[in-house]
């Protein structure tokens, strides 16, 4: 079974990189300390994304991939809940990014972006919580199946940029040096084919399991506020511990 790219006609132009080296705040428990993740099915594919216009969100001109990824994740989860979330304009996302980075286009740390999204929201899109993953393909599948999407950090080479532009899945075909970090949001997978589907630079892109395991240096389970307000929840999740963790980082919210 293969993954279908729903809008293969969209332009495929690599944007800017901007994910800085990961940090994992000490107060945060690992995701698997907060929930027993159910076994992931062999494949997760979602027709809800067929008509979603993801948008580049300024990542063609600025290294705001962490912000674009944040917005894409909330849009993806909203689509799964049957909610239409209109993407903020590129100008609005860039303005939020530059306000966050004090006017300097210098990239951002994913953990700090998520912390801000939880504390104050970004582009009026807020989080009910987030937790750090331990990594690996098995957990990567489980996060997608359980939470709808995964907010990830990966390291790219020039070969990856060329594969993206040519519409080729990211795969380990080059030994070229890493050129920078990038934020992607994974939303689908199929185990038999060994492929994830990721959102990046305004389009859907395929990523091999082998590539992901080698290049991913952080993966996060992220829970937009719309999940809690919808009443759906995410199963037997230890909200009390997560809220205590996040309170230790940013104080009371709401």
C-alpha atoms as a PDB file:
ATOM      1  CA  UNK A   1       0.000   0.000   0.000  1.00  0.00           C
ATOM      2  CA  UNK A   2       1.415   3.402  -0.971  1.00  0.00           C
ATOM      3  CA  UNK A   3       0.631   6.886   0.244  1.00  0.00           C
ATOM      4  CA  UNK A   4      -1.185   9.223  -2.109  1.00  0.00           C
ATOM      5  CA  UNK A   5      -0.011  12.799  -2.485  1.00  0.00           C
ATOM      6  CA  UNK A   6      -3.300  14.660  -2.730  1.00  0.00           C
ATOM      7  CA  UNK A   7      -2.060  17.734  -4.606  1.00  0.00           C
ATOM      8  CA  UNK A   8       0.901  16.645  -6.762  1.00  0.00           C
ATOM      9  CA  UNK A   9       0.322  19.684  -9.005  1.00  0.00           C
ATOM     10  CA  UNK A  10       1.457  22.177  -6.368  1.00  0.00           C
ATOM     11  CA  UNK A  11       4.899  23.793  -6.850  1.00  0.00           C
ATOM     12  CA  UNK A  12       7.726  22.017  -5.061  1.00  0.00           C
ATOM     13  CA  UNK A  13      10.275  24.664  -4.166  1.00  0.00           C
ATOM     14  CA  UNK A  14      12.459  24.092  -1.114  1.00  0.00           C
ATOM     15  CA  UNK A  15      12.111  26.850   1.433  1.00  0.00           C
ATOM     16  CA  UNK A  16      14.328  28.021   4.252  1.00  0.00           C
ATOM     17  CA  UNK A  17      15.696  25.991   7.139  1.00  0.00           C
ATOM     18  CA  UNK A  18      15.345  27.321  10.667  1.00  0.00           C
ATOM     19  CA  UNK A  19      15.089  24.618  13.303  1.00  0.00           C
ATOM     20  CA  UNK A  20      17.770  25.192  15.891  1.00  0.00           C
ATOM     21  CA  UNK A  21      19.427  22.471  17.952  1.00  0.00           C
ATOM     22  CA  UNK A  22      16.909  20.672  20.163  1.00  0.00           C
ATOM     23  CA  UNK A  23      16.492  21.257  23.860  1.00  0.00           C
ATOM     24  CA  UNK A  24      14.405  19.063  26.149  1.00  0.00           C
ATOM     25  CA  UNK A  25      13.346  20.956  29.270  1.00  0.00           C
ATOM     26  CA  UNK A  26      14.000  18.961  32.437  1.00  0.00           C
ATOM     27  CA  UNK A  27      10.488  19.339  33.940  1.00  0.00           C
ATOM     28  CA  UNK A  28       8.873  17.584  30.988  1.00  0.00           C
ATOM     29  CA  UNK A  29       8.163  13.877  31.278  1.00  0.00           C
ATOM     30  CA  UNK A  30       8.450  11.702  28.215  1.00  0.00           C
ATOM     31  CA  UNK A  31       5.219  10.998  26.397  1.00  0.00           C
ATOM     32  CA  UNK A  32       5.324   7.338  27.381  1.00  0.00           C
ATOM     33  CA  UNK A  33       5.357   8.372  31.067  1.00  0.00           C
ATOM     34  CA  UNK A  34       1.983  10.065  30.522  1.00  0.00           C
ATOM     35  CA  UNK A  35       0.118   7.553  28.377  1.00  0.00           C
ATOM     36  CA  UNK A  36       0.354   3.917  27.378  1.00  0.00           C
ATOM     37  CA  UNK A  37       0.375   4.340  23.622  1.00  0.00           C
ATOM     38  CA  UNK A  38      -1.852   1.797  21.878  1.00  0.00           C
ATOM     39  CA  UNK A  39      -0.388  -0.369  19.167  1.00  0.00           C
ATOM     40  CA  UNK A  40      -0.357   1.508  15.889  1.00  0.00           C
ATOM     41  CA  UNK A  41      -2.204   0.069  12.904  1.00  0.00           C
ATOM     42  CA  UNK A  42      -0.166  -0.967   9.876  1.00  0.00           C
ATOM     43  CA  UNK A  43      -1.300   2.086   7.944  1.00  0.00           C
ATOM     44  CA  UNK A  44      -2.861   5.480   8.666  1.00  0.00           C
ATOM     45  CA  UNK A  45      -4.145   7.415   5.654  1.00  0.00           C
ATOM     46  CA  UNK A  46      -6.596  10.273   5.862  1.00  0.00           C
ATOM     47  CA  UNK A  47      -8.894  11.630   3.199  1.00  0.00           C
ATOM     48  CA  UNK A  48      -9.670  14.638   5.402  1.00  0.00           C
ATOM     49  CA  UNK A  49      -6.551  16.333   4.054  1.00  0.00           C
ATOM     50  CA  UNK A  50      -7.524  16.175   0.377  1.00  0.00           C
ATOM     51  CA  UNK A  51      -8.779  19.758   0.174  1.00  0.00           C
ATOM     52  CA  UNK A  52      -6.619  21.403   2.839  1.00  0.00           C
ATOM     53  CA  UNK A  53      -4.526  24.298   1.521  1.00  0.00           C
ATOM     54  CA  UNK A  54      -1.474  24.172   3.768  1.00  0.00           C
ATOM     55  CA  UNK A  55       0.400  27.182   2.435  1.00  0.00           C
ATOM     56  CA  UNK A  56       4.102  28.018   2.683  1.00  0.00           C
ATOM     57  CA  UNK A  57       3.374  30.500   5.512  1.00  0.00           C
ATOM     58  CA  UNK A  58       6.436  32.608   4.855  1.00  0.00           C
ATOM     59  CA  UNK A  59       8.911  29.721   4.961  1.00  0.00           C
ATOM     60  CA  UNK A  60      10.036  30.513   1.422  1.00  0.00           C
ATOM     61  CA  UNK A  61      11.553  33.809   2.626  1.00  0.00           C
ATOM     62  CA  UNK A  62      12.185  33.293   6.343  1.00  0.00           C
ATOM     63  CA  UNK A  63      13.484  30.483   8.516  1.00  0.00           C
ATOM     64  CA  UNK A  64      10.113  30.186  10.264  1.00  0.00           C
ATOM     65  CA  UNK A  65       9.623  26.455   9.632  1.00  0.00           C
ATOM     66  CA  UNK A  66       8.929  25.872  13.334  1.00  0.00           C
ATOM     67  CA  UNK A  67       6.038  28.342  13.160  1.00  0.00           C
ATOM     68  CA  UNK A  68       4.748  27.042   9.823  1.00  0.00           C
ATOM     69  CA  UNK A  69       4.885  23.520  11.250  1.00  0.00           C
ATOM     70  CA  UNK A  70       2.991  24.624  14.366  1.00  0.00           C
ATOM     71  CA  UNK A  71       0.191  26.063  12.220  1.00  0.00           C
ATOM     72  CA  UNK A  72       0.143  23.028   9.917  1.00  0.00           C
ATOM     73  CA  UNK A  73      -0.194  20.685  12.893  1.00  0.00           C
ATOM     74  CA  UNK A  74      -3.195  22.563  14.298  1.00  0.00           C
ATOM     75  CA  UNK A  75      -4.773  22.659  10.825  1.00  0.00           C
ATOM     76  CA  UNK A  76      -4.238  18.902  10.414  1.00  0.00           C
ATOM     77  CA  UNK A  77      -5.768  18.026  13.773  1.00  0.00           C
ATOM     78  CA  UNK A  78      -8.638  20.398  13.081  1.00  0.00           C
ATOM     79  CA  UNK A  79      -9.329  18.650   9.770  1.00  0.00           C
ATOM     80  CA  UNK A  80      -9.399  15.290  11.552  1.00  0.00           C
ATOM     81  CA  UNK A  81     -11.958  16.688  14.011  1.00  0.00           C
ATOM     82  CA  UNK A  82     -14.097  17.970  11.148  1.00  0.00           C
ATOM     83  CA  UNK A  83     -13.204  21.593  11.884  1.00  0.00           C
ATOM     84  CA  UNK A  84     -12.112  24.011   9.189  1.00  0.00           C
ATOM     85  CA  UNK A  85      -9.218  26.095  10.471  1.00  0.00           C
ATOM     86  CA  UNK A  86      -8.278  28.835   8.071  1.00  0.00           C
ATOM     87  CA  UNK A  87      -4.542  29.207   7.883  1.00  0.00           C
ATOM     88  CA  UNK A  88      -3.272  32.591   9.025  1.00  0.00           C
ATOM     89  CA  UNK A  89      -1.701  34.613   6.246  1.00  0.00           C
ATOM     90  CA  UNK A  90       2.001  34.287   5.571  1.00  0.00           C
ATOM     91  CA  UNK A  91       2.472  37.879   6.733  1.00  0.00           C
ATOM     92  CA  UNK A  92       0.828  37.066  10.054  1.00  0.00           C
ATOM     93  CA  UNK A  93       2.941  33.966  10.639  1.00  0.00           C
ATOM     94  CA  UNK A  94       6.126  35.853   9.754  1.00  0.00           C
ATOM     95  CA  UNK A  95       5.147  38.705  12.082  1.00  0.00           C
ATOM     96  CA  UNK A  96       4.606  36.235  14.941  1.00  0.00           C
ATOM     97  CA  UNK A  97       7.952  34.586  14.202  1.00  0.00           C
ATOM     98  CA  UNK A  98       9.861  37.880  14.093  1.00  0.00           C
ATOM     99  CA  UNK A  99       8.196  39.060  17.297  1.00  0.00           C
ATOM    100  CA  UNK A 100       9.279  35.793  18.919  1.00  0.00           C
ATOM    101  CA  UNK A 101      12.863  36.125  17.607  1.00  0.00           C
ATOM    102  CA  UNK A 102      13.156  39.842  18.429  1.00  0.00           C
ATOM    103  CA  UNK A 103      13.168  40.855  14.785  1.00  0.00           C
ATOM    104  CA  UNK A 104      16.059  38.626  13.763  1.00  0.00           C
ATOM    105  CA  UNK A 105      15.574  35.810  11.261  1.00  0.00           C
ATOM    106  CA  UNK A 106      17.629  33.311  13.206  1.00  0.00           C
ATOM    107  CA  UNK A 107      15.383  30.253  13.442  1.00  0.00           C
ATOM    108  CA  UNK A 108      13.851  28.833  16.613  1.00  0.00           C
ATOM    109  CA  UNK A 109      14.009  25.925  19.051  1.00  0.00           C
ATOM    110  CA  UNK A 110      10.967  23.682  18.722  1.00  0.00           C
ATOM    111  CA  UNK A 111      10.569  23.232  22.485  1.00  0.00           C
ATOM    112  CA  UNK A 112      10.462  27.012  22.958  1.00  0.00           C
ATOM    113  CA  UNK A 113       7.910  27.431  20.162  1.00  0.00           C
ATOM    114  CA  UNK A 114       5.689  24.810  21.801  1.00  0.00           C
ATOM    115  CA  UNK A 115       6.160  26.425  25.207  1.00  0.00           C
ATOM    116  CA  UNK A 116       5.010  29.754  23.750  1.00  0.00           C
ATOM    117  CA  UNK A 117       2.071  28.110  22.001  1.00  0.00           C
ATOM    118  CA  UNK A 118       0.984  26.644  25.322  1.00  0.00           C
ATOM    119  CA  UNK A 119       1.538  29.811  27.337  1.00  0.00           C
ATOM    120  CA  UNK A 120       0.063  32.438  25.014  1.00  0.00           C
ATOM    121  CA  UNK A 121      -0.857  30.795  21.716  1.00  0.00           C
ATOM    122  CA  UNK A 122       0.639  31.595  18.325  1.00  0.00           C
ATOM    123  CA  UNK A 123      -1.431  33.247  15.603  1.00  0.00           C
ATOM    124  CA  UNK A 124      -4.450  32.717  17.913  1.00  0.00           C
ATOM    125  CA  UNK A 125      -3.881  28.951  17.844  1.00  0.00           C
ATOM    126  CA  UNK A 126      -3.191  27.536  21.298  1.00  0.00           C
ATOM    127  CA  UNK A 127      -2.108  24.246  22.806  1.00  0.00           C
ATOM    128  CA  UNK A 128      -3.630  22.214  25.619  1.00  0.00           C
ATOM    129  CA  UNK A 129      -0.295  20.465  26.071  1.00  0.00           C
ATOM    130  CA  UNK A 130       2.680  18.751  24.493  1.00  0.00           C
ATOM    131  CA  UNK A 131       5.131  16.012  25.439  1.00  0.00           C
ATOM    132  CA  UNK A 132       8.491  14.874  24.170  1.00  0.00           C
ATOM    133  CA  UNK A 133       8.948  11.555  22.419  1.00  0.00           C
ATOM    134  CA  UNK A 134      11.863   9.205  22.884  1.00  0.00           C
ATOM    135  CA  UNK A 135      12.231   8.714  19.131  1.00  0.00           C
ATOM    136  CA  UNK A 136      12.158   5.769  16.793  1.00  0.00           C
ATOM    137  CA  UNK A 137       9.811   4.595  14.068  1.00  0.00           C
ATOM    138  CA  UNK A 138       7.463   2.595  16.325  1.00  0.00           C
ATOM    139  CA  UNK A 139       6.708   5.597  18.539  1.00  0.00           C
ATOM    140  CA  UNK A 140       6.527   7.804  15.446  1.00  0.00           C
ATOM    141  CA  UNK A 141       3.677   5.657  14.130  1.00  0.00           C
ATOM    142  CA  UNK A 142       1.931   5.648  17.503  1.00  0.00           C
ATOM    143  CA  UNK A 143       2.022   9.437  17.812  1.00  0.00           C
ATOM    144  CA  UNK A 144       0.382   9.857  14.404  1.00  0.00           C
ATOM    145  CA  UNK A 145      -2.254   7.214  15.132  1.00  0.00           C
ATOM    146  CA  UNK A 146      -3.076   8.544  18.613  1.00  0.00           C
ATOM    147  CA  UNK A 147      -2.629  12.314  18.324  1.00  0.00           C
ATOM    148  CA  UNK A 148      -3.264  12.870  14.621  1.00  0.00           C
ATOM    149  CA  UNK A 149       0.118  14.377  13.774  1.00  0.00           C
ATOM    150  CA  UNK A 150       3.688  14.623  15.020  1.00  0.00           C
ATOM    151  CA  UNK A 151       5.760  17.793  15.332  1.00  0.00           C
ATOM    152  CA  UNK A 152       9.290  16.784  14.396  1.00  0.00           C
ATOM    153  CA  UNK A 153      12.784  18.087  13.927  1.00  0.00           C
ATOM    154  CA  UNK A 154      15.005  16.689  11.181  1.00  0.00           C
ATOM    155  CA  UNK A 155      18.440  17.423   9.762  1.00  0.00           C
ATOM    156  CA  UNK A 156      18.702  18.005   6.004  1.00  0.00           C
ATOM    157  CA  UNK A 157      21.414  17.771   3.361  1.00  0.00           C
ATOM    158  CA  UNK A 158      21.596  19.431  -0.048  1.00  0.00           C
ATOM    159  CA  UNK A 159      20.605  16.088  -1.533  1.00  0.00           C
ATOM    160  CA  UNK A 160      17.367  16.255   0.464  1.00  0.00           C
ATOM    161  CA  UNK A 161      16.627  19.691  -0.969  1.00  0.00           C
ATOM    162  CA  UNK A 162      17.118  18.316  -4.485  1.00  0.00           C
ATOM    163  CA  UNK A 163      14.957  15.251  -3.791  1.00  0.00           C
ATOM    164  CA  UNK A 164      12.186  17.505  -2.528  1.00  0.00           C
ATOM    165  CA  UNK A 165      12.284  19.714  -5.604  1.00  0.00           C
ATOM    166  CA  UNK A 166      12.223  16.638  -7.860  1.00  0.00           C
ATOM    167  CA  UNK A 167       9.265  15.105  -6.026  1.00  0.00           C
ATOM    168  CA  UNK A 168      11.347  12.186  -4.758  1.00  0.00           C
ATOM    169  CA  UNK A 169      10.888  10.801  -1.226  1.00  0.00           C
ATOM    170  CA  UNK A 170      13.582  11.688   1.246  1.00  0.00           C
ATOM    171  CA  UNK A 171      15.835   8.647   1.348  1.00  0.00           C
ATOM    172  CA  UNK A 172      19.401   7.930   2.368  1.00  0.00           C
ATOM    173  CA  UNK A 173      21.069   8.185  -1.017  1.00  0.00           C
ATOM    174  CA  UNK A 174      23.777  10.692  -0.195  1.00  0.00           C
ATOM    175  CA  UNK A 175      26.604  11.172   2.260  1.00  0.00           C
ATOM    176  CA  UNK A 176      26.647  14.931   1.849  1.00  0.00           C
ATOM    177  CA  UNK A 177      27.046  17.026   4.968  1.00  0.00           C
ATOM    178  CA  UNK A 178      24.103  18.309   6.973  1.00  0.00           C
ATOM    179  CA  UNK A 179      23.221  21.881   6.004  1.00  0.00           C
ATOM    180  CA  UNK A 180      20.697  22.661   8.728  1.00  0.00           C
ATOM    181  CA  UNK A 181      17.690  21.723  10.821  1.00  0.00           C
ATOM    182  CA  UNK A 182      14.079  21.760   9.669  1.00  0.00           C
ATOM    183  CA  UNK A 183      10.648  21.313  11.221  1.00  0.00           C
ATOM    184  CA  UNK A 184       8.170  18.937   9.577  1.00  0.00           C
ATOM    185  CA  UNK A 185       4.769  17.604  10.594  1.00  0.00           C
ATOM    186  CA  UNK A 186       4.073  13.932   9.896  1.00  0.00           C
ATOM    187  CA  UNK A 187       0.428  13.040   9.345  1.00  0.00           C
ATOM    188  CA  UNK A 188       0.239   9.620   7.651  1.00  0.00           C
ATOM    189  CA  UNK A 189       2.241   6.435   7.160  1.00  0.00           C
ATOM    190  CA  UNK A 190       2.159   2.973   5.684  1.00  0.00           C
ATOM    191  CA  UNK A 191       4.407   0.366   7.250  1.00  0.00           C
ATOM    192  CA  UNK A 192       4.541  -2.071   4.321  1.00  0.00           C
ATOM    193  CA  UNK A 193       5.984   0.594   2.030  1.00  0.00           C
ATOM    194  CA  UNK A 194       8.104   2.066   4.827  1.00  0.00           C
ATOM    195  CA  UNK A 195       6.876   5.605   4.174  1.00  0.00           C
ATOM    196  CA  UNK A 196       5.687   8.553   6.244  1.00  0.00           C
ATOM    197  CA  UNK A 197       3.846  11.515   4.766  1.00  0.00           C
ATOM    198  CA  UNK A 198       5.011  14.887   6.044  1.00  0.00           C
ATOM    199  CA  UNK A 199       3.831  18.460   5.623  1.00  0.00           C
ATOM    200  CA  UNK A 200       6.572  20.880   4.709  1.00  0.00           C
ATOM    201  CA  UNK A 201       7.037  23.957   2.532  1.00  0.00           C
ATOM    202  CA  UNK A 202       3.331  24.096   1.760  1.00  0.00           C
ATOM    203  CA  UNK A 203       2.943  20.585   0.344  1.00  0.00           C
ATOM    204  CA  UNK A 204       2.849  16.925   1.303  1.00  0.00           C
ATOM    205  CA  UNK A 205       6.114  15.030   0.989  1.00  0.00           C
ATOM    206  CA  UNK A 206       7.077  11.389   1.450  1.00  0.00           C
ATOM    207  CA  UNK A 207       9.832  10.276   3.808  1.00  0.00           C
ATOM    208  CA  UNK A 208      11.267   6.777   4.076  1.00  0.00           C
ATOM    209  CA  UNK A 209      11.405   5.132   7.489  1.00  0.00           C
ATOM    210  CA  UNK A 210      15.158   4.655   7.121  1.00  0.00           C
ATOM    211  CA  UNK A 211      15.699   8.338   6.369  1.00  0.00           C
ATOM    212  CA  UNK A 212      13.468   9.425   9.241  1.00  0.00           C
ATOM    213  CA  UNK A 213      15.216   7.229  11.775  1.00  0.00           C
ATOM    214  CA  UNK A 214      18.615   8.565  10.694  1.00  0.00           C
ATOM    215  CA  UNK A 215      17.706  12.250  10.403  1.00  0.00           C
ATOM    216  CA  UNK A 216      15.088  12.884  13.106  1.00  0.00           C
ATOM    217  CA  UNK A 217      16.550  14.462  16.238  1.00  0.00           C
ATOM    218  CA  UNK A 218      13.286  15.290  18.034  1.00  0.00           C
ATOM    219  CA  UNK A 219       9.641  14.263  17.889  1.00  0.00           C
ATOM    220  CA  UNK A 220       6.790  15.747  19.882  1.00  0.00           C
ATOM    221  CA  UNK A 221       3.200  14.803  20.592  1.00  0.00           C
ATOM    222  CA  UNK A 222       1.232  18.047  20.489  1.00  0.00           C
ATOM    223  CA  UNK A 223      -2.346  18.532  21.668  1.00  0.00           C
ATOM    224  CA  UNK A 224      -4.060  21.651  20.284  1.00  0.00           C
ATOM    225  CA  UNK A 225      -6.641  23.239  22.564  1.00  0.00           C
ATOM    226  CA  UNK A 226      -9.359  22.296  20.083  1.00  0.00           C
ATOM    227  CA  UNK A 227      -8.845  18.644  21.067  1.00  0.00           C
ATOM    228  CA  UNK A 228      -9.856  19.254  24.684  1.00  0.00           C
ATOM    229  CA  UNK A 229     -12.630  21.679  23.778  1.00  0.00           C
ATOM    230  CA  UNK A 230     -14.075  19.124  21.340  1.00  0.00           C
ATOM    231  CA  UNK A 231     -14.507  16.690  24.218  1.00  0.00           C
ATOM    232  CA  UNK A 232     -12.726  13.928  22.328  1.00  0.00           C
ATOM    233  CA  UNK A 233      -9.537  13.784  24.391  1.00  0.00           C
ATOM    234  CA  UNK A 234      -6.745  11.297  23.737  1.00  0.00           C
ATOM    235  CA  UNK A 235      -7.621   8.332  25.901  1.00  0.00           C
ATOM    236  CA  UNK A 236      -6.132   7.579  29.320  1.00  0.00           C
ATOM    237  CA  UNK A 237      -3.756  10.520  29.350  1.00  0.00           C
ATOM    238  CA  UNK A 238      -2.208  11.744  32.596  1.00  0.00           C
ATOM    239  CA  UNK A 239      -3.345  15.346  32.244  1.00  0.00           C
ATOM    240  CA  UNK A 240      -2.524  16.139  35.866  1.00  0.00           C
ATOM    241  CA  UNK A 241       1.141  15.241  35.413  1.00  0.00           C
ATOM    242  CA  UNK A 242       1.400  17.029  32.073  1.00  0.00           C
ATOM    243  CA  UNK A 243      -0.178  20.179  33.467  1.00  0.00           C
ATOM    244  CA  UNK A 244       2.188  20.039  36.461  1.00  0.00           C
ATOM    245  CA  UNK A 245       5.148  19.712  34.084  1.00  0.00           C
ATOM    246  CA  UNK A 246       4.060  22.633  31.963  1.00  0.00           C
ATOM    247  CA  UNK A 247       3.187  24.745  34.989  1.00  0.00           C
ATOM    248  CA  UNK A 248       6.759  24.257  36.179  1.00  0.00           C
ATOM    249  CA  UNK A 249       7.932  25.647  32.834  1.00  0.00           C
ATOM    250  CA  UNK A 250       5.550  28.513  32.125  1.00  0.00           C
ATOM    251  CA  UNK A 251       3.220  28.892  35.102  1.00  0.00           C
ATOM    252  CA  UNK A 252      -0.545  28.600  35.167  1.00  0.00           C
ATOM    253  CA  UNK A 253      -2.356  29.007  31.852  1.00  0.00           C
ATOM    254  CA  UNK A 254      -5.983  29.944  31.291  1.00  0.00           C
END
